[in-house]
């Protein structure tokens, strides 16, 4: 039986998705001799992040930068290239030809960017190559601290408010945006979308009352919850998550059939030789498993993974198919 989500994708895109694992294998066998033998890196490595300083991807990148620099013997410089839900930074990586630029990206940058907006200036399936899936997490439905205490009471108030309420996200087509559209359908609510440059601005909007709800990474949400500025209604995982075990799942508030996960990953331009990609992948897998790094990433609300390029390629393929269906059903388009 064919995957129904796959049928939603244009034929050229389906072919690229199916060809991704084979392309990785072919690249591995065809790595050039000079790439295997030449010293690399021979100058600072740029780690591009498409979100502001203090955002979840930025924090993860800065945890990785120092140990990766030590392992490579060259500085690793985090560079924030903000905008378009992280796609500006992803485009910088996709078009780099210096062999010293990689990126820390979120789901959408590596999956549905081109599906959501054909005018996107890079194609994640053609111009980026997977390096490693770094970490995964559910999202937390966060609301202002003055909101009704129970999840059931919150959703009842949201239904009564209809489109007079707003929800904030770090951009159109991000996982937070697509996830909220799923939540709206599952919970029978109708808040309007307010996109921001990044999650720090979303949090400011929540605290200030400009938006009434948002799906946030646990690390960002729970620091505000503990400070008394926000309240956590629930997590988007099917059940309670080990990342935030004290927060109920949204299913406990009556929201059924919602299981959503965010992730971040390192990707490289297709121009980066496969030997370098493989080395980066192995180093990152080792780094994220070190107790001190694992603890720092867990403190931000993530569960570390650290896959080979093929593991990230599989995740890209399956998530691209799933999110394409959400985009189609909700007619989500860039502004």
C-alpha atoms as a PDB file:
ATOM      1  CA  UNK A   1       0.000   0.000   0.000  1.00  0.00           C
ATOM      2  CA  UNK A   2       1.368   3.399  -0.954  1.00  0.00           C
ATOM      3  CA  UNK A   3       1.983   6.041   1.635  1.00  0.00           C
ATOM      4  CA  UNK A   4      -0.954   8.486   1.180  1.00  0.00           C
ATOM      5  CA  UNK A   5       1.230  11.431   2.154  1.00  0.00           C
ATOM      6  CA  UNK A   6       3.704  10.575  -0.609  1.00  0.00           C
ATOM      7  CA  UNK A   7       0.961  10.969  -3.178  1.00  0.00           C
ATOM      8  CA  UNK A   8       0.607  14.620  -2.164  1.00  0.00           C
ATOM      9  CA  UNK A   9       4.114  15.421  -3.350  1.00  0.00           C
ATOM     10  CA  UNK A  10       5.019  16.407  -6.911  1.00  0.00           C
ATOM     11  CA  UNK A  11       6.594  13.579  -8.908  1.00  0.00           C
ATOM     12  CA  UNK A  12      10.075  15.210  -9.048  1.00  0.00           C
ATOM     13  CA  UNK A  13      10.036  15.664  -5.261  1.00  0.00           C
ATOM     14  CA  UNK A  14       8.962  12.048  -4.665  1.00  0.00           C
ATOM     15  CA  UNK A  15      11.836  10.893  -6.855  1.00  0.00           C
ATOM     16  CA  UNK A  16      14.316  13.003  -4.899  1.00  0.00           C
ATOM     17  CA  UNK A  17      13.021  11.665  -1.575  1.00  0.00           C
ATOM     18  CA  UNK A  18      13.304   8.077  -2.742  1.00  0.00           C
ATOM     19  CA  UNK A  19      16.757   8.717  -4.160  1.00  0.00           C
ATOM     20  CA  UNK A  20      18.181  10.347  -1.036  1.00  0.00           C
ATOM     21  CA  UNK A  21      19.572   7.199   0.674  1.00  0.00           C
ATOM     22  CA  UNK A  22      21.066   5.968  -2.603  1.00  0.00           C
ATOM     23  CA  UNK A  23      22.660   9.340  -3.236  1.00  0.00           C
ATOM     24  CA  UNK A  24      24.275   9.239   0.185  1.00  0.00           C
ATOM     25  CA  UNK A  25      25.682   5.776  -0.469  1.00  0.00           C
ATOM     26  CA  UNK A  26      26.967   6.786  -3.905  1.00  0.00           C
ATOM     27  CA  UNK A  27      28.620   9.875  -2.483  1.00  0.00           C
ATOM     28  CA  UNK A  28      30.299   7.754   0.192  1.00  0.00           C
ATOM     29  CA  UNK A  29      31.876   5.404  -2.361  1.00  0.00           C
ATOM     30  CA  UNK A  30      32.865   8.258  -4.642  1.00  0.00           C
ATOM     31  CA  UNK A  31      34.664  10.548  -2.187  1.00  0.00           C
ATOM     32  CA  UNK A  32      37.693  12.010  -3.893  1.00  0.00           C
ATOM     33  CA  UNK A  33      41.221  11.096  -2.837  1.00  0.00           C
ATOM     34  CA  UNK A  34      42.157  14.688  -2.143  1.00  0.00           C
ATOM     35  CA  UNK A  35      39.228  15.037   0.274  1.00  0.00           C
ATOM     36  CA  UNK A  36      40.408  11.952   2.152  1.00  0.00           C
ATOM     37  CA  UNK A  37      44.021  13.090   2.410  1.00  0.00           C
ATOM     38  CA  UNK A  38      44.028  16.893   2.499  1.00  0.00           C
ATOM     39  CA  UNK A  39      44.124  18.559   5.938  1.00  0.00           C
ATOM     40  CA  UNK A  40      40.659  19.736   6.851  1.00  0.00           C
ATOM     41  CA  UNK A  41      39.540  22.079   8.228  1.00  0.00           C
ATOM     42  CA  UNK A  42      42.477  24.401   7.623  1.00  0.00           C
ATOM     43  CA  UNK A  43      40.756  27.548   8.929  1.00  0.00           C
ATOM     44  CA  UNK A  44      37.798  28.367  11.224  1.00  0.00           C
ATOM     45  CA  UNK A  45      34.603  26.419  10.525  1.00  0.00           C
ATOM     46  CA  UNK A  46      31.417  28.468  10.319  1.00  0.00           C
ATOM     47  CA  UNK A  47      28.311  27.004  12.025  1.00  0.00           C
ATOM     48  CA  UNK A  48      25.332  28.966  10.679  1.00  0.00           C
ATOM     49  CA  UNK A  49      22.103  29.264  12.688  1.00  0.00           C
ATOM     50  CA  UNK A  50      19.000  30.788  11.092  1.00  0.00           C
ATOM     51  CA  UNK A  51      17.533  32.056  14.361  1.00  0.00           C
ATOM     52  CA  UNK A  52      18.411  34.807  16.867  1.00  0.00           C
ATOM     53  CA  UNK A  53      20.894  34.538  19.710  1.00  0.00           C
ATOM     54  CA  UNK A  54      19.153  32.908  22.657  1.00  0.00           C
ATOM     55  CA  UNK A  55      16.836  30.802  20.518  1.00  0.00           C
ATOM     56  CA  UNK A  56      16.818  27.033  20.955  1.00  0.00           C
ATOM     57  CA  UNK A  57      18.851  26.253  17.791  1.00  0.00           C
ATOM     58  CA  UNK A  58      21.366  28.936  18.752  1.00  0.00           C
ATOM     59  CA  UNK A  59      21.800  27.484  22.240  1.00  0.00           C
ATOM     60  CA  UNK A  60      22.345  23.981  20.857  1.00  0.00           C
ATOM     61  CA  UNK A  61      24.877  25.240  18.325  1.00  0.00           C
ATOM     62  CA  UNK A  62      26.866  26.972  21.062  1.00  0.00           C
ATOM     63  CA  UNK A  63      26.935  23.797  23.157  1.00  0.00           C
ATOM     64  CA  UNK A  64      28.425  21.932  20.184  1.00  0.00           C
ATOM     65  CA  UNK A  65      30.850  24.612  19.015  1.00  0.00           C
ATOM     66  CA  UNK A  66      33.626  24.331  21.618  1.00  0.00           C
ATOM     67  CA  UNK A  67      33.966  20.516  21.752  1.00  0.00           C
ATOM     68  CA  UNK A  68      33.745  20.343  17.953  1.00  0.00           C
ATOM     69  CA  UNK A  69      36.488  22.964  17.679  1.00  0.00           C
ATOM     70  CA  UNK A  70      38.688  20.943  20.026  1.00  0.00           C
ATOM     71  CA  UNK A  71      38.096  17.784  17.999  1.00  0.00           C
ATOM     72  CA  UNK A  72      38.801  19.496  14.671  1.00  0.00           C
ATOM     73  CA  UNK A  73      41.726  21.612  15.818  1.00  0.00           C
ATOM     74  CA  UNK A  74      40.171  24.782  14.396  1.00  0.00           C
ATOM     75  CA  UNK A  75      37.747  27.368  15.852  1.00  0.00           C
ATOM     76  CA  UNK A  76      34.039  26.816  15.226  1.00  0.00           C
ATOM     77  CA  UNK A  77      32.270  30.158  14.914  1.00  0.00           C
ATOM     78  CA  UNK A  78      28.490  30.340  15.388  1.00  0.00           C
ATOM     79  CA  UNK A  79      26.979  32.841  12.960  1.00  0.00           C
ATOM     80  CA  UNK A  80      23.315  33.916  13.260  1.00  0.00           C
ATOM     81  CA  UNK A  81      21.663  34.609   9.885  1.00  0.00           C
ATOM     82  CA  UNK A  82      18.104  35.325  10.983  1.00  0.00           C
ATOM     83  CA  UNK A  83      14.798  35.249   9.124  1.00  0.00           C
ATOM     84  CA  UNK A  84      12.192  33.294   7.163  1.00  0.00           C
ATOM     85  CA  UNK A  85      11.822  30.608   9.834  1.00  0.00           C
ATOM     86  CA  UNK A  86      15.507  29.736   9.599  1.00  0.00           C
ATOM     87  CA  UNK A  87      15.514  29.466   5.805  1.00  0.00           C
ATOM     88  CA  UNK A  88      17.829  32.448   5.298  1.00  0.00           C
ATOM     89  CA  UNK A  89      20.516  30.674   7.293  1.00  0.00           C
ATOM     90  CA  UNK A  90      19.817  27.388   5.526  1.00  0.00           C
ATOM     91  CA  UNK A  91      20.222  29.099   2.149  1.00  0.00           C
ATOM     92  CA  UNK A  92      23.596  30.477   3.256  1.00  0.00           C
ATOM     93  CA  UNK A  93      24.717  26.924   4.002  1.00  0.00           C
ATOM     94  CA  UNK A  94      23.196  25.426   0.845  1.00  0.00           C
ATOM     95  CA  UNK A  95      25.005  27.917  -1.385  1.00  0.00           C
ATOM     96  CA  UNK A  96      28.364  27.840   0.412  1.00  0.00           C
ATOM     97  CA  UNK A  97      31.313  26.612  -1.646  1.00  0.00           C
ATOM     98  CA  UNK A  98      34.175  27.258   0.778  1.00  0.00           C
ATOM     99  CA  UNK A  99      34.175  23.771   2.382  1.00  0.00           C
ATOM    100  CA  UNK A 100      34.109  25.487   5.783  1.00  0.00           C
ATOM    101  CA  UNK A 101      30.397  26.251   6.258  1.00  0.00           C
ATOM    102  CA  UNK A 102      27.816  23.989   7.896  1.00  0.00           C
ATOM    103  CA  UNK A 103      24.506  24.708   9.634  1.00  0.00           C
ATOM    104  CA  UNK A 104      22.459  23.835  12.694  1.00  0.00           C
ATOM    105  CA  UNK A 105      18.874  23.651  11.409  1.00  0.00           C
ATOM    106  CA  UNK A 106      15.370  22.703  12.511  1.00  0.00           C
ATOM    107  CA  UNK A 107      12.858  20.321  10.901  1.00  0.00           C
ATOM    108  CA  UNK A 108      11.338  22.701   8.414  1.00  0.00           C
ATOM    109  CA  UNK A 109      14.626  23.938   6.965  1.00  0.00           C
ATOM    110  CA  UNK A 110      15.524  20.392   5.927  1.00  0.00           C
ATOM    111  CA  UNK A 111      12.083  19.131   4.926  1.00  0.00           C
ATOM    112  CA  UNK A 112       9.186  21.270   3.730  1.00  0.00           C
ATOM    113  CA  UNK A 113      10.842  24.630   2.959  1.00  0.00           C
ATOM    114  CA  UNK A 114      10.487  24.266  -0.819  1.00  0.00           C
ATOM    115  CA  UNK A 115       7.053  22.613  -0.608  1.00  0.00           C
ATOM    116  CA  UNK A 116       5.702  25.455   1.490  1.00  0.00           C
ATOM    117  CA  UNK A 117       7.184  28.137  -0.737  1.00  0.00           C
ATOM    118  CA  UNK A 118       8.425  27.283  -4.245  1.00  0.00           C
ATOM    119  CA  UNK A 119      10.232  30.632  -4.254  1.00  0.00           C
ATOM    120  CA  UNK A 120      12.529  29.490  -1.424  1.00  0.00           C
ATOM    121  CA  UNK A 121      16.060  30.190  -2.619  1.00  0.00           C
ATOM    122  CA  UNK A 122      17.401  26.713  -1.886  1.00  0.00           C
ATOM    123  CA  UNK A 123      16.154  23.143  -2.240  1.00  0.00           C
ATOM    124  CA  UNK A 124      16.818  21.131   0.949  1.00  0.00           C
ATOM    125  CA  UNK A 125      16.712  17.824  -0.890  1.00  0.00           C
ATOM    126  CA  UNK A 126      19.087  18.871  -3.673  1.00  0.00           C
ATOM    127  CA  UNK A 127      21.422  21.449  -2.131  1.00  0.00           C
ATOM    128  CA  UNK A 128      21.883  20.221   1.451  1.00  0.00           C
ATOM    129  CA  UNK A 129      23.297  16.941   2.631  1.00  0.00           C
ATOM    130  CA  UNK A 130      22.530  15.373   6.025  1.00  0.00           C
ATOM    131  CA  UNK A 131      25.283  15.225   8.631  1.00  0.00           C
ATOM    132  CA  UNK A 132      23.643  14.204  11.925  1.00  0.00           C
ATOM    133  CA  UNK A 133      20.318  14.354  13.751  1.00  0.00           C
ATOM    134  CA  UNK A 134      21.385  16.027  16.995  1.00  0.00           C
ATOM    135  CA  UNK A 135      18.362  16.012  19.324  1.00  0.00           C
ATOM    136  CA  UNK A 136      14.580  15.590  19.480  1.00  0.00           C
ATOM    137  CA  UNK A 137      11.800  16.862  21.741  1.00  0.00           C
ATOM    138  CA  UNK A 138       8.058  17.406  22.013  1.00  0.00           C
ATOM    139  CA  UNK A 139       6.716  20.952  22.100  1.00  0.00           C
ATOM    140  CA  UNK A 140       5.100  22.576  25.130  1.00  0.00           C
ATOM    141  CA  UNK A 141       1.804  24.438  24.758  1.00  0.00           C
ATOM    142  CA  UNK A 142       2.645  27.588  26.712  1.00  0.00           C
ATOM    143  CA  UNK A 143       0.171  30.289  27.754  1.00  0.00           C
ATOM    144  CA  UNK A 144       0.293  33.486  29.862  1.00  0.00           C
ATOM    145  CA  UNK A 145       0.585  32.878  33.597  1.00  0.00           C
ATOM    146  CA  UNK A 146      -2.851  34.422  34.202  1.00  0.00           C
ATOM    147  CA  UNK A 147      -4.596  31.794  32.071  1.00  0.00           C
ATOM    148  CA  UNK A 148      -7.014  29.221  33.537  1.00  0.00           C
ATOM    149  CA  UNK A 149      -5.099  26.594  35.471  1.00  0.00           C
ATOM    150  CA  UNK A 150      -6.363  23.340  33.959  1.00  0.00           C
ATOM    151  CA  UNK A 151      -5.934  22.181  30.383  1.00  0.00           C
ATOM    152  CA  UNK A 152      -9.633  21.452  29.998  1.00  0.00           C
ATOM    153  CA  UNK A 153     -10.537  24.951  31.221  1.00  0.00           C
ATOM    154  CA  UNK A 154      -8.021  26.513  28.852  1.00  0.00           C
ATOM    155  CA  UNK A 155      -9.392  24.741  25.792  1.00  0.00           C
ATOM    156  CA  UNK A 156     -12.945  25.615  26.747  1.00  0.00           C
ATOM    157  CA  UNK A 157     -11.953  29.293  26.990  1.00  0.00           C
ATOM    158  CA  UNK A 158     -10.161  29.023  23.646  1.00  0.00           C
ATOM    159  CA  UNK A 159     -13.245  27.568  21.967  1.00  0.00           C
ATOM    160  CA  UNK A 160     -15.378  30.363  23.362  1.00  0.00           C
ATOM    161  CA  UNK A 161     -12.900  32.985  22.146  1.00  0.00           C
ATOM    162  CA  UNK A 162     -12.768  31.688  18.565  1.00  0.00           C
ATOM    163  CA  UNK A 163     -10.562  33.811  16.312  1.00  0.00           C
ATOM    164  CA  UNK A 164     -10.301  36.615  18.863  1.00  0.00           C
ATOM    165  CA  UNK A 165      -7.318  34.757  20.335  1.00  0.00           C
ATOM    166  CA  UNK A 166      -3.903  34.576  18.662  1.00  0.00           C
ATOM    167  CA  UNK A 167      -1.056  32.114  18.695  1.00  0.00           C
ATOM    168  CA  UNK A 168       2.598  32.943  18.080  1.00  0.00           C
ATOM    169  CA  UNK A 169       5.275  31.023  16.172  1.00  0.00           C
ATOM    170  CA  UNK A 170       8.848  31.653  15.006  1.00  0.00           C
ATOM    171  CA  UNK A 171       7.636  31.805  11.393  1.00  0.00           C
ATOM    172  CA  UNK A 172       5.299  30.481   8.716  1.00  0.00           C
ATOM    173  CA  UNK A 173       5.899  26.818   7.952  1.00  0.00           C
ATOM    174  CA  UNK A 174       7.893  26.088  11.106  1.00  0.00           C
ATOM    175  CA  UNK A 175       7.015  22.986  13.090  1.00  0.00           C
ATOM    176  CA  UNK A 176       5.387  25.222  15.708  1.00  0.00           C
ATOM    177  CA  UNK A 177       3.110  26.643  12.999  1.00  0.00           C
ATOM    178  CA  UNK A 178       2.178  23.331  11.397  1.00  0.00           C
ATOM    179  CA  UNK A 179       1.825  21.750  14.835  1.00  0.00           C
ATOM    180  CA  UNK A 180      -0.576  24.454  15.975  1.00  0.00           C
ATOM    181  CA  UNK A 181      -2.703  23.903  12.891  1.00  0.00           C
ATOM    182  CA  UNK A 182      -2.859  20.222  13.855  1.00  0.00           C
ATOM    183  CA  UNK A 183      -3.754  21.196  17.409  1.00  0.00           C
ATOM    184  CA  UNK A 184      -6.511  23.531  16.209  1.00  0.00           C
ATOM    185  CA  UNK A 185      -8.110  20.684  14.272  1.00  0.00           C
ATOM    186  CA  UNK A 186      -7.761  18.185  17.111  1.00  0.00           C
ATOM    187  CA  UNK A 187      -8.998  20.568  19.847  1.00  0.00           C
ATOM    188  CA  UNK A 188     -11.686  22.456  17.921  1.00  0.00           C
ATOM    189  CA  UNK A 189     -10.139  25.897  18.492  1.00  0.00           C
ATOM    190  CA  UNK A 190      -9.560  28.773  16.036  1.00  0.00           C
ATOM    191  CA  UNK A 191      -6.822  31.224  17.156  1.00  0.00           C
ATOM    192  CA  UNK A 192      -5.173  33.387  14.497  1.00  0.00           C
ATOM    193  CA  UNK A 193      -1.511  33.017  13.546  1.00  0.00           C
ATOM    194  CA  UNK A 194       1.030  35.727  14.481  1.00  0.00           C
ATOM    195  CA  UNK A 195       4.526  34.934  13.140  1.00  0.00           C
ATOM    196  CA  UNK A 196       7.622  36.361  14.878  1.00  0.00           C
ATOM    197  CA  UNK A 197      11.343  36.352  13.937  1.00  0.00           C
ATOM    198  CA  UNK A 198      12.093  33.751  16.639  1.00  0.00           C
ATOM    199  CA  UNK A 199      10.942  32.144  19.865  1.00  0.00           C
ATOM    200  CA  UNK A 200      12.369  34.844  22.177  1.00  0.00           C
ATOM    201  CA  UNK A 201       9.979  37.282  20.529  1.00  0.00           C
ATOM    202  CA  UNK A 202       7.128  34.752  20.810  1.00  0.00           C
ATOM    203  CA  UNK A 203       7.750  34.561  24.558  1.00  0.00           C
ATOM    204  CA  UNK A 204       7.695  38.347  24.814  1.00  0.00           C
ATOM    205  CA  UNK A 205       4.357  38.323  22.987  1.00  0.00           C
ATOM    206  CA  UNK A 206       2.951  35.730  25.384  1.00  0.00           C
ATOM    207  CA  UNK A 207       4.078  37.599  28.481  1.00  0.00           C
ATOM    208  CA  UNK A 208       2.729  40.863  27.082  1.00  0.00           C
ATOM    209  CA  UNK A 209      -0.612  39.350  26.108  1.00  0.00           C
ATOM    210  CA  UNK A 210      -0.290  39.937  22.366  1.00  0.00           C
ATOM    211  CA  UNK A 211      -0.728  36.189  21.822  1.00  0.00           C
ATOM    212  CA  UNK A 212      -2.612  33.746  24.042  1.00  0.00           C
ATOM    213  CA  UNK A 213      -0.754  30.527  23.239  1.00  0.00           C
ATOM    214  CA  UNK A 214       2.308  29.107  21.526  1.00  0.00           C
ATOM    215  CA  UNK A 215       4.067  25.794  21.016  1.00  0.00           C
ATOM    216  CA  UNK A 216       7.584  26.251  22.408  1.00  0.00           C
ATOM    217  CA  UNK A 217      10.647  24.049  22.876  1.00  0.00           C
ATOM    218  CA  UNK A 218      10.637  22.753  26.467  1.00  0.00           C
ATOM    219  CA  UNK A 219      13.900  24.433  27.420  1.00  0.00           C
ATOM    220  CA  UNK A 220      12.584  27.878  26.563  1.00  0.00           C
ATOM    221  CA  UNK A 221       9.066  27.281  27.858  1.00  0.00           C
ATOM    222  CA  UNK A 222       9.963  25.761  31.218  1.00  0.00           C
ATOM    223  CA  UNK A 223      12.436  28.477  32.224  1.00  0.00           C
ATOM    224  CA  UNK A 224       9.583  30.966  31.893  1.00  0.00           C
ATOM    225  CA  UNK A 225       7.149  28.624  33.651  1.00  0.00           C
ATOM    226  CA  UNK A 226       9.518  28.242  36.595  1.00  0.00           C
ATOM    227  CA  UNK A 227       9.887  32.017  36.705  1.00  0.00           C
ATOM    228  CA  UNK A 228       6.119  32.425  36.982  1.00  0.00           C
ATOM    229  CA  UNK A 229       5.759  34.284  33.663  1.00  0.00           C
ATOM    230  CA  UNK A 230       4.144  31.479  31.641  1.00  0.00           C
ATOM    231  CA  UNK A 231       2.085  28.361  32.285  1.00  0.00           C
ATOM    232  CA  UNK A 232       2.507  24.956  30.618  1.00  0.00           C
ATOM    233  CA  UNK A 233      -0.772  23.397  29.497  1.00  0.00           C
ATOM    234  CA  UNK A 234       0.735  20.210  28.061  1.00  0.00           C
ATOM    235  CA  UNK A 235       3.231  18.567  25.705  1.00  0.00           C
ATOM    236  CA  UNK A 236       2.586  17.441  22.132  1.00  0.00           C
ATOM    237  CA  UNK A 237       3.874  13.896  22.576  1.00  0.00           C
ATOM    238  CA  UNK A 238       1.402  11.019  22.698  1.00  0.00           C
ATOM    239  CA  UNK A 239       2.079  10.576  26.424  1.00  0.00           C
ATOM    240  CA  UNK A 240       4.199  12.335  29.031  1.00  0.00           C
ATOM    241  CA  UNK A 241       7.756  13.033  27.924  1.00  0.00           C
ATOM    242  CA  UNK A 242      10.963  12.260  29.824  1.00  0.00           C
ATOM    243  CA  UNK A 243      12.172  15.703  28.761  1.00  0.00           C
ATOM    244  CA  UNK A 244       9.515  17.386  30.945  1.00  0.00           C
ATOM    245  CA  UNK A 245       7.989  14.544  32.993  1.00  0.00           C
ATOM    246  CA  UNK A 246       5.953  16.824  35.263  1.00  0.00           C
ATOM    247  CA  UNK A 247       3.995  18.373  32.378  1.00  0.00           C
ATOM    248  CA  UNK A 248       0.896  16.423  31.285  1.00  0.00           C
ATOM    249  CA  UNK A 249       0.365  15.427  27.679  1.00  0.00           C
ATOM    250  CA  UNK A 250      -2.322  17.307  25.792  1.00  0.00           C
ATOM    251  CA  UNK A 251      -4.246  14.072  25.561  1.00  0.00           C
ATOM    252  CA  UNK A 252      -4.840  14.425  29.318  1.00  0.00           C
ATOM    253  CA  UNK A 253      -6.664  17.677  28.521  1.00  0.00           C
ATOM    254  CA  UNK A 254      -8.878  15.881  26.005  1.00  0.00           C
ATOM    255  CA  UNK A 255      -6.868  16.452  22.815  1.00  0.00           C
ATOM    256  CA  UNK A 256      -6.697  13.148  20.952  1.00  0.00           C
ATOM    257  CA  UNK A 257      -4.464  11.848  18.156  1.00  0.00           C
ATOM    258  CA  UNK A 258      -1.740  14.475  18.489  1.00  0.00           C
ATOM    259  CA  UNK A 259       1.862  13.311  18.420  1.00  0.00           C
ATOM    260  CA  UNK A 260       4.339  15.940  17.289  1.00  0.00           C
ATOM    261  CA  UNK A 261       8.110  16.100  17.698  1.00  0.00           C
ATOM    262  CA  UNK A 262      10.642  18.783  16.882  1.00  0.00           C
ATOM    263  CA  UNK A 263      14.281  18.156  16.120  1.00  0.00           C
ATOM    264  CA  UNK A 264      17.474  19.888  15.211  1.00  0.00           C
ATOM    265  CA  UNK A 265      20.259  18.639  13.002  1.00  0.00           C
ATOM    266  CA  UNK A 266      23.526  19.558  11.375  1.00  0.00           C
ATOM    267  CA  UNK A 267      23.567  19.760   7.588  1.00  0.00           C
ATOM    268  CA  UNK A 268      26.179  20.712   5.017  1.00  0.00           C
ATOM    269  CA  UNK A 269      26.161  22.001   1.450  1.00  0.00           C
ATOM    270  CA  UNK A 270      26.292  19.358  -1.256  1.00  0.00           C
ATOM    271  CA  UNK A 271      29.670  20.785  -2.225  1.00  0.00           C
ATOM    272  CA  UNK A 272      31.290  19.574   1.011  1.00  0.00           C
ATOM    273  CA  UNK A 273      33.220  16.368   0.266  1.00  0.00           C
ATOM    274  CA  UNK A 274      31.648  13.235   1.674  1.00  0.00           C
ATOM    275  CA  UNK A 275      34.779  12.367   3.672  1.00  0.00           C
ATOM    276  CA  UNK A 276      34.390  15.597   5.646  1.00  0.00           C
ATOM    277  CA  UNK A 277      30.669  14.981   6.185  1.00  0.00           C
ATOM    278  CA  UNK A 278      31.383  11.516   7.533  1.00  0.00           C
ATOM    279  CA  UNK A 279      34.062  12.847   9.869  1.00  0.00           C
ATOM    280  CA  UNK A 280      31.738  15.562  11.181  1.00  0.00           C
ATOM    281  CA  UNK A 281      28.976  13.022  11.728  1.00  0.00           C
ATOM    282  CA  UNK A 282      31.220  10.721  13.745  1.00  0.00           C
ATOM    283  CA  UNK A 283      32.590  13.567  15.832  1.00  0.00           C
ATOM    284  CA  UNK A 284      29.124  14.984  16.559  1.00  0.00           C
ATOM    285  CA  UNK A 285      27.780  11.562  17.534  1.00  0.00           C
ATOM    286  CA  UNK A 286      30.635  11.240  20.021  1.00  0.00           C
ATOM    287  CA  UNK A 287      30.232  14.796  21.326  1.00  0.00           C
ATOM    288  CA  UNK A 288      26.483  14.629  22.047  1.00  0.00           C
ATOM    289  CA  UNK A 289      26.951  11.396  23.988  1.00  0.00           C
ATOM    290  CA  UNK A 290      29.489  12.893  26.379  1.00  0.00           C
ATOM    291  CA  UNK A 291      27.816  13.228  29.790  1.00  0.00           C
ATOM    292  CA  UNK A 292      28.554  16.935  30.137  1.00  0.00           C
ATOM    293  CA  UNK A 293      27.198  17.726  26.656  1.00  0.00           C
ATOM    294  CA  UNK A 294      24.196  15.447  27.076  1.00  0.00           C
ATOM    295  CA  UNK A 295      23.356  17.210  30.324  1.00  0.00           C
ATOM    296  CA  UNK A 296      23.631  20.672  28.800  1.00  0.00           C
ATOM    297  CA  UNK A 297      21.410  19.726  25.875  1.00  0.00           C
ATOM    298  CA  UNK A 298      18.935  17.999  28.192  1.00  0.00           C
ATOM    299  CA  UNK A 299      18.810  21.172  30.314  1.00  0.00           C
ATOM    300  CA  UNK A 300      17.584  22.974  27.185  1.00  0.00           C
ATOM    301  CA  UNK A 301      14.755  20.458  26.818  1.00  0.00           C
ATOM    302  CA  UNK A 302      16.218  18.016  24.287  1.00  0.00           C
ATOM    303  CA  UNK A 303      16.913  14.304  24.144  1.00  0.00           C
ATOM    304  CA  UNK A 304      20.206  13.724  22.311  1.00  0.00           C
ATOM    305  CA  UNK A 305      20.384  11.352  19.331  1.00  0.00           C
ATOM    306  CA  UNK A 306      23.527  11.768  17.196  1.00  0.00           C
ATOM    307  CA  UNK A 307      22.837   9.755  14.036  1.00  0.00           C
ATOM    308  CA  UNK A 308      24.840   8.916  10.958  1.00  0.00           C
ATOM    309  CA  UNK A 309      23.964  10.849   7.785  1.00  0.00           C
ATOM    310  CA  UNK A 310      21.713   7.990   6.662  1.00  0.00           C
ATOM    311  CA  UNK A 311      19.652   8.221   9.849  1.00  0.00           C
ATOM    312  CA  UNK A 312      19.023  11.915   9.300  1.00  0.00           C
ATOM    313  CA  UNK A 313      18.188  11.253   5.647  1.00  0.00           C
ATOM    314  CA  UNK A 314      15.463   8.827   6.746  1.00  0.00           C
ATOM    315  CA  UNK A 315      14.004  11.371   9.155  1.00  0.00           C
ATOM    316  CA  UNK A 316      14.018  14.052   6.470  1.00  0.00           C
ATOM    317  CA  UNK A 317      12.153  11.783   4.061  1.00  0.00           C
ATOM    318  CA  UNK A 318       9.422  10.680   6.481  1.00  0.00           C
ATOM    319  CA  UNK A 319       8.827  14.154   7.923  1.00  0.00           C
ATOM    320  CA  UNK A 320       8.686  15.735   4.472  1.00  0.00           C
ATOM    321  CA  UNK A 321       5.871  13.379   3.508  1.00  0.00           C
ATOM    322  CA  UNK A 322       3.929  13.956   6.740  1.00  0.00           C
ATOM    323  CA  UNK A 323       4.179  17.743   6.769  1.00  0.00           C
ATOM    324  CA  UNK A 324       3.241  18.014   3.100  1.00  0.00           C
ATOM    325  CA  UNK A 325      -0.181  16.677   4.046  1.00  0.00           C
ATOM    326  CA  UNK A 326      -0.656  19.346   6.749  1.00  0.00           C
ATOM    327  CA  UNK A 327       0.301  22.073   4.287  1.00  0.00           C
ATOM    328  CA  UNK A 328      -2.158  20.810   1.698  1.00  0.00           C
ATOM    329  CA  UNK A 329      -5.079  20.345   4.072  1.00  0.00           C
ATOM    330  CA  UNK A 330      -4.649  23.816   5.576  1.00  0.00           C
ATOM    331  CA  UNK A 331      -3.639  25.566   2.353  1.00  0.00           C
ATOM    332  CA  UNK A 332      -0.632  27.064   4.124  1.00  0.00           C
ATOM    333  CA  UNK A 333       1.213  29.549   1.964  1.00  0.00           C
ATOM    334  CA  UNK A 334       3.988  32.062   2.586  1.00  0.00           C
ATOM    335  CA  UNK A 335       3.032  35.697   2.957  1.00  0.00           C
END
